[in-house]
Amino acid sequence: MVSNNSARRLLGMPYKQSRSKKNIRVSIGSQDNKTVAVQKNKATEKKTYHSVTVFYPEYVVS
Protein backbone atom coordinates (compact mmCIF):
# COMPACT_ATOMS: atom_id res chain seq x y z
CA MET A 1 0.00 0.00 0.00
CA VAL A 2 1.26 3.44 -0.90
CA SER A 3 0.87 6.51 1.29
CA ASN A 4 -1.23 9.44 0.09
CA ASN A 5 1.84 11.54 -0.74
CA SER A 6 3.50 8.71 -2.65
CA ALA A 7 0.31 7.98 -4.59
CA ARG A 8 -0.13 11.66 -5.45
CA ARG A 9 3.50 11.86 -6.56
CA LEU A 10 3.03 8.84 -8.85
CA LEU A 11 -0.06 10.44 -10.39
CA GLY A 12 1.76 13.71 -11.01
CA MET A 13 -0.40 15.62 -8.55
CA PRO A 14 0.85 18.16 -5.98
CA TYR A 15 1.85 16.46 -2.75
CA LYS A 16 3.31 19.11 -0.46
CA GLN A 17 0.77 20.01 2.19
CA SER A 18 0.47 22.56 4.97
CA ARG A 19 0.40 21.42 8.59
CA SER A 20 -3.38 21.71 8.85
CA LYS A 21 -3.88 19.57 5.74
CA LYS A 22 -1.63 16.83 7.13
CA ASN A 23 -4.45 15.91 9.52
CA ILE A 24 -6.72 15.08 6.58
CA ARG A 25 -6.69 11.72 4.84
CA VAL A 26 -8.54 11.05 1.60
CA SER A 27 -9.41 7.52 0.57
CA ILE A 28 -11.72 5.92 -1.95
CA GLY A 29 -14.65 3.91 -0.64
CA SER A 30 -18.16 2.94 -1.58
CA GLN A 31 -21.48 4.14 -0.27
CA ASP A 32 -24.86 3.01 -1.65
CA ASN A 33 -23.11 1.13 -4.50
CA LYS A 34 -21.32 4.31 -5.62
CA THR A 35 -17.62 5.08 -5.55
CA VAL A 36 -16.96 8.06 -3.30
CA ALA A 37 -13.98 9.85 -1.80
CA VAL A 38 -13.97 9.73 1.98
CA GLN A 39 -12.24 12.65 3.68
CA LYS A 40 -11.28 11.93 7.29
CA ASN A 41 -9.92 14.53 9.68
CA LYS A 42 -7.55 12.79 12.10
CA ALA A 43 -7.88 15.54 14.70
CA THR A 44 -11.69 15.48 14.98
CA GLU A 45 -12.36 11.97 13.58
CA LYS A 46 -15.01 13.54 11.32
CA LYS A 47 -15.73 11.82 7.98
CA THR A 48 -17.21 13.56 4.96
CA TYR A 49 -18.14 11.99 1.64
CA HIS A 50 -17.46 13.67 -1.71
CA SER A 51 -17.50 12.88 -5.40
CA VAL A 52 -14.24 11.20 -6.38
CA THR A 53 -13.47 13.89 -8.97
CA VAL A 54 -13.20 16.50 -6.20
CA PHE A 55 -9.82 15.07 -5.11
CA TYR A 56 -8.66 13.04 -8.12
CA PRO A 57 -8.57 13.96 -11.82
CA GLU A 58 -11.17 12.47 -14.17
CA TYR A 59 -8.66 10.16 -15.91
CA VAL A 60 -7.79 8.45 -12.62
CA VAL A 61 -11.41 7.66 -11.81
CA SER A 62 -12.29 5.99 -15.11
PDB file of N, CA and C in Angstrom:
ATOM      1  N   MET A   1       0.852  -1.173   0.000  1.00  0.00           N
ATOM      2  CA  MET A   1       0.000   0.000   0.000  1.00  0.00           C
ATOM      3  C   MET A   1       0.901   1.241   0.000  1.00  0.00           C
ATOM      4  N   VAL A   2       0.481   2.230  -0.747  1.00  0.00           N
ATOM      5  CA  VAL A   2       1.262   3.443  -0.899  1.00  0.00           C
ATOM      6  C   VAL A   2       0.611   4.554  -0.084  1.00  0.00           C
ATOM      7  N   SER A   3       1.435   5.401   0.520  1.00  0.00           N
ATOM      8  CA  SER A   3       0.875   6.513   1.291  1.00  0.00           C
ATOM      9  C   SER A   3       0.240   7.529   0.353  1.00  0.00           C
ATOM     10  N   ASN A   4      -0.564   8.426   0.904  1.00  0.00           N
ATOM     11  CA  ASN A   4      -1.230   9.444   0.091  1.00  0.00           C
ATOM     12  C   ASN A   4      -0.222  10.274  -0.694  1.00  0.00           C
ATOM     13  N   ASN A   5       0.860  10.723  -0.047  1.00  0.00           N
ATOM     14  CA  ASN A   5       1.845  11.543  -0.738  1.00  0.00           C
ATOM     15  C   ASN A   5       2.521  10.771  -1.858  1.00  0.00           C
ATOM     16  N   SER A   6       2.858   9.517  -1.621  1.00  0.00           N
ATOM     17  CA  SER A   6       3.498   8.706  -2.648  1.00  0.00           C
ATOM     18  C   SER A   6       2.557   8.468  -3.818  1.00  0.00           C
ATOM     19  N   ALA A   7       1.302   8.201  -3.526  1.00  0.00           N
ATOM     20  CA  ALA A   7       0.314   7.983  -4.590  1.00  0.00           C
ATOM     21  C   ALA A   7       0.125   9.257  -5.402  1.00  0.00           C
ATOM     22  N   ARG A   8       0.037  10.396  -4.744  1.00  0.00           N
ATOM     23  CA  ARG A   8      -0.132  11.665  -5.454  1.00  0.00           C
ATOM     24  C   ARG A   8       1.100  11.973  -6.306  1.00  0.00           C
ATOM     25  N   ARG A   9       2.279  11.638  -5.801  1.00  0.00           N
ATOM     26  CA  ARG A   9       3.504  11.861  -6.563  1.00  0.00           C
ATOM     27  C   ARG A   9       3.511  10.998  -7.818  1.00  0.00           C
ATOM     28  N   LEU A  10       3.085   9.730  -7.696  1.00  0.00           N
ATOM     29  CA  LEU A  10       3.032   8.836  -8.853  1.00  0.00           C
ATOM     30  C   LEU A  10       2.042   9.321  -9.910  1.00  0.00           C
ATOM     31  N   LEU A  11       0.957   9.949  -9.467  1.00  0.00           N
ATOM     32  CA  LEU A  11      -0.064  10.441 -10.392  1.00  0.00           C
ATOM     33  C   LEU A  11       0.274  11.820 -10.954  1.00  0.00           C
ATOM     34  N   GLY A  12       1.370  12.403 -10.514  1.00  0.00           N
ATOM     35  CA  GLY A  12       1.756  13.715 -11.008  1.00  0.00           C
ATOM     36  C   GLY A  12       0.965  14.848 -10.390  1.00  0.00           C
ATOM     37  N   MET A  13       0.389  14.602  -9.226  1.00  0.00           N
ATOM     38  CA  MET A  13      -0.405  15.621  -8.546  1.00  0.00           C
ATOM     39  C   MET A  13       0.445  16.301  -7.478  1.00  0.00           C
ATOM     40  N   PRO A  14       0.077  17.507  -7.044  1.00  0.00           N
ATOM     41  CA  PRO A  14       0.847  18.161  -5.983  1.00  0.00           C
ATOM     42  C   PRO A  14       0.759  17.360  -4.685  1.00  0.00           C
ATOM     43  N   TYR A  15       1.857  17.278  -3.959  1.00  0.00           N
ATOM     44  CA  TYR A  15       1.853  16.456  -2.748  1.00  0.00           C
ATOM     45  C   TYR A  15       2.380  17.166  -1.516  1.00  0.00           C
ATOM     46  N   LYS A  16       2.875  18.375  -1.647  1.00  0.00           N
ATOM     47  CA  LYS A  16       3.314  19.108  -0.459  1.00  0.00           C
ATOM     48  C   LYS A  16       2.097  19.738   0.192  1.00  0.00           C
ATOM     49  N   GLN A  17       1.956  19.555   1.484  1.00  0.00           N
ATOM     50  CA  GLN A  17       0.771  20.014   2.188  1.00  0.00           C
ATOM     51  C   GLN A  17       1.154  20.863   3.397  1.00  0.00           C
ATOM     52  N   SER A  18       0.250  21.760   3.765  1.00  0.00           N
ATOM     53  CA  SER A  18       0.468  22.561   4.967  1.00  0.00           C
ATOM     54  C   SER A  18       0.222  21.687   6.198  1.00  0.00           C
ATOM     55  N   ARG A  19       0.564  22.202   7.358  1.00  0.00           N
ATOM     56  CA  ARG A  19       0.395  21.420   8.591  1.00  0.00           C
ATOM     57  C   ARG A  19      -1.063  21.068   8.860  1.00  0.00           C
ATOM     58  N   SER A  20      -1.970  21.987   8.574  1.00  0.00           N
ATOM     59  CA  SER A  20      -3.378  21.705   8.855  1.00  0.00           C
ATOM     60  C   SER A  20      -3.913  20.632   7.917  1.00  0.00           C
ATOM     61  N   LYS A  21      -3.400  20.574   6.694  1.00  0.00           N
ATOM     62  CA  LYS A  21      -3.876  19.565   5.744  1.00  0.00           C
ATOM     63  C   LYS A  21      -3.279  18.195   6.014  1.00  0.00           C
ATOM     64  N   LYS A  22      -2.219  18.120   6.818  1.00  0.00           N
ATOM     65  CA  LYS A  22      -1.629  16.825   7.130  1.00  0.00           C
ATOM     66  C   LYS A  22      -2.541  15.999   8.027  1.00  0.00           C
ATOM     67  N   ASN A  23      -3.498  16.633   8.683  1.00  0.00           N
ATOM     68  CA  ASN A  23      -4.453  15.912   9.516  1.00  0.00           C
ATOM     69  C   ASN A  23      -5.581  15.297   8.702  1.00  0.00           C
ATOM     70  N   ILE A  24      -5.621  15.560   7.419  1.00  0.00           N
ATOM     71  CA  ILE A  24      -6.716  15.082   6.581  1.00  0.00           C
ATOM     72  C   ILE A  24      -6.228  13.941   5.701  1.00  0.00           C
ATOM     73  N   ARG A  25      -6.991  12.864   5.680  1.00  0.00           N
ATOM     74  CA  ARG A  25      -6.685  11.717   4.837  1.00  0.00           C
ATOM     75  C   ARG A  25      -7.840  11.494   3.880  1.00  0.00           C
ATOM     76  N   VAL A  26      -7.527  11.308   2.614  1.00  0.00           N
ATOM     77  CA  VAL A  26      -8.545  11.054   1.598  1.00  0.00           C
ATOM     78  C   VAL A  26      -8.365   9.641   1.097  1.00  0.00           C
ATOM     79  N   SER A  27      -9.448   8.875   1.098  1.00  0.00           N
ATOM     80  CA  SER A  27      -9.408   7.517   0.569  1.00  0.00           C
ATOM     81  C   SER A  27     -10.646   7.287  -0.287  1.00  0.00           C
ATOM     82  N   ILE A  28     -10.598   6.246  -1.077  1.00  0.00           N
ATOM     83  CA  ILE A  28     -11.724   5.924  -1.950  1.00  0.00           C
ATOM     84  C   ILE A  28     -12.494   4.772  -1.326  1.00  0.00           C
ATOM     85  N   GLY A  29     -13.790   4.935  -1.229  1.00  0.00           N
ATOM     86  CA  GLY A  29     -14.647   3.915  -0.640  1.00  0.00           C
ATOM     87  C   GLY A  29     -15.934   3.808  -1.429  1.00  0.00           C
ATOM     88  N   SER A  30     -16.877   3.060  -0.901  1.00  0.00           N
ATOM     89  CA  SER A  30     -18.161   2.939  -1.582  1.00  0.00           C
ATOM     90  C   SER A  30     -19.277   3.206  -0.580  1.00  0.00           C
ATOM     91  N   GLN A  31     -20.309   3.832  -1.089  1.00  0.00           N
ATOM     92  CA  GLN A  31     -21.476   4.138  -0.275  1.00  0.00           C
ATOM     93  C   GLN A  31     -22.688   4.054  -1.188  1.00  0.00           C
ATOM     94  N   ASP A  32     -23.654   3.214  -0.838  1.00  0.00           N
ATOM     95  CA  ASP A  32     -24.858   3.008  -1.647  1.00  0.00           C
ATOM     96  C   ASP A  32     -24.504   2.590  -3.076  1.00  0.00           C
ATOM     97  N   ASN A  33     -23.562   1.653  -3.214  1.00  0.00           N
ATOM     98  CA  ASN A  33     -23.114   1.127  -4.504  1.00  0.00           C
ATOM     99  C   ASN A  33     -22.530   2.200  -5.420  1.00  0.00           C
ATOM    100  N   LYS A  34     -21.985   3.259  -4.861  1.00  0.00           N
ATOM    101  CA  LYS A  34     -21.318   4.313  -5.618  1.00  0.00           C
ATOM    102  C   LYS A  34     -19.894   4.439  -5.096  1.00  0.00           C
ATOM    103  N   THR A  35     -18.980   4.812  -5.974  1.00  0.00           N
ATOM    104  CA  THR A  35     -17.616   5.075  -5.549  1.00  0.00           C
ATOM    105  C   THR A  35     -17.529   6.516  -5.095  1.00  0.00           C
ATOM    106  N   VAL A  36     -17.056   6.718  -3.878  1.00  0.00           N
ATOM    107  CA  VAL A  36     -16.965   8.062  -3.304  1.00  0.00           C
ATOM    108  C   VAL A  36     -15.585   8.264  -2.684  1.00  0.00           C
ATOM    109  N   ALA A  37     -15.208   9.516  -2.510  1.00  0.00           N
ATOM    110  CA  ALA A  37     -13.979   9.854  -1.801  1.00  0.00           C
ATOM    111  C   ALA A  37     -14.358  10.173  -0.364  1.00  0.00           C
ATOM    112  N   VAL A  38     -13.698   9.517   0.563  1.00  0.00           N
ATOM    113  CA  VAL A  38     -13.968   9.729   1.984  1.00  0.00           C
ATOM    114  C   VAL A  38     -12.848  10.596   2.542  1.00  0.00           C
ATOM    115  N   GLN A  39     -13.208  11.752   3.079  1.00  0.00           N
ATOM    116  CA  GLN A  39     -12.239  12.655   3.684  1.00  0.00           C
ATOM    117  C   GLN A  39     -12.356  12.522   5.193  1.00  0.00           C
ATOM    118  N   LYS A  40     -11.257  12.120   5.842  1.00  0.00           N
ATOM    119  CA  LYS A  40     -11.280  11.927   7.291  1.00  0.00           C
ATOM    120  C   LYS A  40     -10.286  12.874   7.942  1.00  0.00           C
ATOM    121  N   ASN A  41     -10.763  13.632   8.910  1.00  0.00           N
ATOM    122  CA  ASN A  41      -9.919  14.529   9.678  1.00  0.00           C
ATOM    123  C   ASN A  41      -9.421  13.755  10.896  1.00  0.00           C
ATOM    124  N   LYS A  42      -8.115  13.573  10.993  1.00  0.00           N
ATOM    125  CA  LYS A  42      -7.552  12.792  12.101  1.00  0.00           C
ATOM    126  C   LYS A  42      -7.718  13.485  13.445  1.00  0.00           C
ATOM    127  N   ALA A  43      -7.766  14.807  13.439  1.00  0.00           N
ATOM    128  CA  ALA A  43      -7.877  15.545  14.695  1.00  0.00           C
ATOM    129  C   ALA A  43      -9.272  15.413  15.299  1.00  0.00           C
ATOM    130  N   THR A  44     -10.315  15.505  14.463  1.00  0.00           N
ATOM    131  CA  THR A  44     -11.687  15.481  14.981  1.00  0.00           C
ATOM    132  C   THR A  44     -12.399  14.158  14.716  1.00  0.00           C
ATOM    133  N   GLU A  45     -11.766  13.263  13.956  1.00  0.00           N
ATOM    134  CA  GLU A  45     -12.358  11.971  13.585  1.00  0.00           C
ATOM    135  C   GLU A  45     -13.651  12.136  12.773  1.00  0.00           C
ATOM    136  N   LYS A  46     -13.810  13.285  12.120  1.00  0.00           N
ATOM    137  CA  LYS A  46     -15.007  13.544  11.323  1.00  0.00           C
ATOM    138  C   LYS A  46     -14.791  13.034   9.895  1.00  0.00           C
ATOM    139  N   LYS A  47     -15.793  12.321   9.348  1.00  0.00           N
ATOM    140  CA  LYS A  47     -15.732  11.820   7.979  1.00  0.00           C
ATOM    141  C   LYS A  47     -16.735  12.575   7.121  1.00  0.00           C
ATOM    142  N   THR A  48     -16.306  12.971   5.930  1.00  0.00           N
ATOM    143  CA  THR A  48     -17.213  13.564   4.959  1.00  0.00           C
ATOM    144  C   THR A  48     -17.055  12.823   3.646  1.00  0.00           C
ATOM    145  N   TYR A  49     -18.125  12.726   2.899  1.00  0.00           N
ATOM    146  CA  TYR A  49     -18.138  11.988   1.645  1.00  0.00           C
ATOM    147  C   TYR A  49     -18.291  12.968   0.490  1.00  0.00           C
ATOM    148  N   HIS A  50     -17.473  12.780  -0.555  1.00  0.00           N
ATOM    149  CA  HIS A  50     -17.463  13.672  -1.709  1.00  0.00           C
ATOM    150  C   HIS A  50     -17.430  12.842  -2.989  1.00  0.00           C
ATOM    151  N   SER A  51     -17.700  13.506  -4.100  1.00  0.00           N
ATOM    152  CA  SER A  51     -17.501  12.884  -5.399  1.00  0.00           C
ATOM    153  C   SER A  51     -16.010  12.623  -5.573  1.00  0.00           C
ATOM    154  N   VAL A  52     -15.645  11.560  -6.236  1.00  0.00           N
ATOM    155  CA  VAL A  52     -14.236  11.203  -6.379  1.00  0.00           C
ATOM    156  C   VAL A  52     -13.489  12.263  -7.173  1.00  0.00           C
ATOM    157  N   THR A  53     -14.152  12.907  -8.122  1.00  0.00           N
ATOM    158  CA  THR A  53     -13.475  13.886  -8.974  1.00  0.00           C
ATOM    159  C   THR A  53     -13.113  15.174  -8.224  1.00  0.00           C
ATOM    160  N   VAL A  54     -13.572  15.334  -6.996  1.00  0.00           N
ATOM    161  CA  VAL A  54     -13.203  16.500  -6.197  1.00  0.00           C
ATOM    162  C   VAL A  54     -11.716  16.428  -5.850  1.00  0.00           C
ATOM    163  N   PHE A  55     -11.201  15.235  -5.551  1.00  0.00           N
ATOM    164  CA  PHE A  55      -9.820  15.071  -5.111  1.00  0.00           C
ATOM    165  C   PHE A  55      -8.908  14.462  -6.167  1.00  0.00           C
ATOM    166  N   TYR A  56      -9.461  13.721  -7.108  1.00  0.00           N
ATOM    167  CA  TYR A  56      -8.656  13.037  -8.120  1.00  0.00           C
ATOM    168  C   TYR A  56      -9.099  13.472  -9.506  1.00  0.00           C
ATOM    169  N   PRO A  57      -8.185  13.568 -10.463  1.00  0.00           N
ATOM    170  CA  PRO A  57      -8.571  13.956 -11.824  1.00  0.00           C
ATOM    171  C   PRO A  57      -9.482  12.911 -12.470  1.00  0.00           C
ATOM    172  N   GLU A  58     -10.193  13.333 -13.488  1.00  0.00           N
ATOM    173  CA  GLU A  58     -11.172  12.465 -14.167  1.00  0.00           C
ATOM    174  C   GLU A  58     -10.524  11.211 -14.736  1.00  0.00           C
ATOM    175  N   TYR A  59      -9.290  11.328 -15.281  1.00  0.00           N
ATOM    176  CA  TYR A  59      -8.656  10.163 -15.915  1.00  0.00           C
ATOM    177  C   TYR A  59      -8.272   9.097 -14.904  1.00  0.00           C
ATOM    178  N   VAL A  60      -8.121   9.440 -13.646  1.00  0.00           N
ATOM    179  CA  VAL A  60      -7.786   8.451 -12.618  1.00  0.00           C
ATOM    180  C   VAL A  60      -9.024   7.642 -12.247  1.00  0.00           C
ATOM    181  N   VAL A  61     -10.167   8.298 -12.254  1.00  0.00           N
ATOM    182  CA  VAL A  61     -11.411   7.660 -11.812  1.00  0.00           C
ATOM    183  C   VAL A  61     -11.881   6.616 -12.814  1.00  0.00           C
ATOM    184  N   SER A  62     -11.750   6.910 -14.103  1.00  0.00           N
ATOM    185  CA  SER A  62     -12.290   5.987 -15.112  1.00  0.00           C
ATOM    186  C   SER A  62     -11.409   4.798 -15.379  1.00  0.00           C
TER     187      SER A  62
END
